[in-house]
Amino acid sequence: MLANALLPFLLVFNYNLFVLGIKILLGYLVLVALSAIIKTHSMLVGILSVPSAFIQLTGYGMGFLSAWFQKIFKLRVYRDWE
């Protein structure tokens, strides 16, 4: 969800890019909801699929960035469970 974090900065640089980013994000959300509604035949599942998609992609993005920073800066991360 790096695109969500960058969206406000597009408004500063170019209004048209900001509007395009909003349209793409809304289109993605509509497709996620429609796909869930069609597959499950449930409006509730379609509505709940939108925040779950945000949570899932945010988690993947944070894990990716964390691994990238650890690799680039050669950080040693202490994990309590290891």
Protein backbone atom coordinates (compact mmCIF):
# COMPACT_ATOMS: atom_id res chain seq x y z
CA MET A 1 0.00 0.00 0.00
CA LEU A 2 2.89 2.26 -0.70
CA ALA A 3 0.66 3.92 -3.28
CA ASN A 4 -1.72 5.01 -0.51
CA ALA A 5 1.14 6.64 1.36
CA LEU A 6 2.34 8.47 -1.75
CA LEU A 7 -1.08 9.73 -2.80
CA PRO A 8 -1.02 12.98 -0.75
CA PHE A 9 2.39 13.86 -2.21
CA LEU A 10 0.97 13.62 -5.72
CA LEU A 11 -1.42 16.44 -4.83
CA VAL A 12 1.56 18.67 -4.07
CA PHE A 13 3.33 17.87 -7.34
CA ASN A 14 0.51 17.48 -9.83
CA TYR A 15 -3.24 17.63 -9.29
CA ASN A 16 -3.96 15.45 -12.34
CA LEU A 17 -1.73 12.66 -11.00
CA PHE A 18 -3.51 12.91 -7.65
CA VAL A 19 -6.92 12.54 -9.29
CA LEU A 20 -5.65 9.61 -11.37
CA GLY A 21 -4.30 7.93 -8.23
CA ILE A 22 -7.64 8.37 -6.45
CA LYS A 23 -9.50 6.91 -9.44
CA ILE A 24 -7.18 3.90 -9.59
CA LEU A 25 -7.52 3.31 -5.84
CA LEU A 26 -11.32 3.56 -5.96
CA GLY A 27 -11.41 1.26 -8.98
CA TYR A 28 -9.33 -1.28 -7.11
CA LEU A 29 -11.65 -1.13 -4.11
CA VAL A 30 -14.72 -1.57 -6.29
CA LEU A 31 -13.16 -4.57 -8.01
CA VAL A 32 -12.23 -6.17 -4.69
CA ALA A 33 -15.76 -5.70 -3.35
CA LEU A 34 -17.44 -6.90 -6.56
CA SER A 35 -15.22 -9.96 -6.75
CA ALA A 36 -16.07 -10.91 -3.16
CA ILE A 37 -19.78 -10.31 -3.69
CA ILE A 38 -19.86 -12.43 -6.85
CA LYS A 39 -17.83 -15.29 -5.37
CA THR A 40 -19.69 -15.51 -2.05
CA HIS A 41 -23.13 -14.12 -2.95
CA SER A 42 -22.96 -12.02 0.21
CA MET A 43 -23.05 -8.23 0.43
CA LEU A 44 -21.57 -8.32 3.93
CA VAL A 45 -18.53 -10.25 2.76
CA GLY A 46 -18.10 -7.78 -0.10
CA ILE A 47 -18.15 -4.84 2.29
CA LEU A 48 -15.74 -6.50 4.72
CA SER A 49 -13.35 -7.47 1.92
CA VAL A 50 -12.34 -3.84 1.35
CA PRO A 51 -10.77 -3.19 4.78
CA SER A 52 -9.30 -6.69 4.85
CA ALA A 53 -7.56 -6.00 1.52
CA PHE A 54 -6.07 -2.81 2.98
CA ILE A 55 -4.88 -4.62 6.09
CA GLN A 56 -3.38 -7.49 4.10
CA LEU A 57 -1.55 -5.28 1.61
CA THR A 58 -0.33 -2.95 4.36
CA GLY A 59 1.12 -5.93 6.25
CA TYR A 60 2.84 -7.22 3.12
CA GLY A 61 4.21 -3.77 2.37
CA MET A 62 5.54 -3.26 5.90
CA GLY A 63 7.20 -6.68 5.85
CA PHE A 64 8.77 -5.94 2.47
CA LEU A 65 10.10 -2.57 3.59
CA SER A 66 11.38 -4.03 6.85
CA ALA A 67 13.29 -6.77 5.03
CA TRP A 68 14.62 -4.25 2.52
CA PHE A 69 15.92 -1.92 5.24
CA GLN A 70 17.50 -4.84 7.08
CA LYS A 71 19.23 -5.97 3.91
CA ILE A 72 20.38 -2.52 2.81
CA PHE A 73 21.60 -1.36 6.22
CA LYS A 74 22.58 -4.84 7.42
CA LEU A 75 20.56 -4.47 10.59
CA ARG A 76 20.40 -7.25 13.13
CA VAL A 77 16.91 -7.71 14.40
CA TYR A 78 16.34 -9.33 17.76
CA ARG A 79 13.37 -11.67 17.66
CA ASP A 80 12.10 -12.95 20.96
CA TRP A 81 10.67 -16.15 19.51
CA GLU A 82 13.92 -17.44 17.95
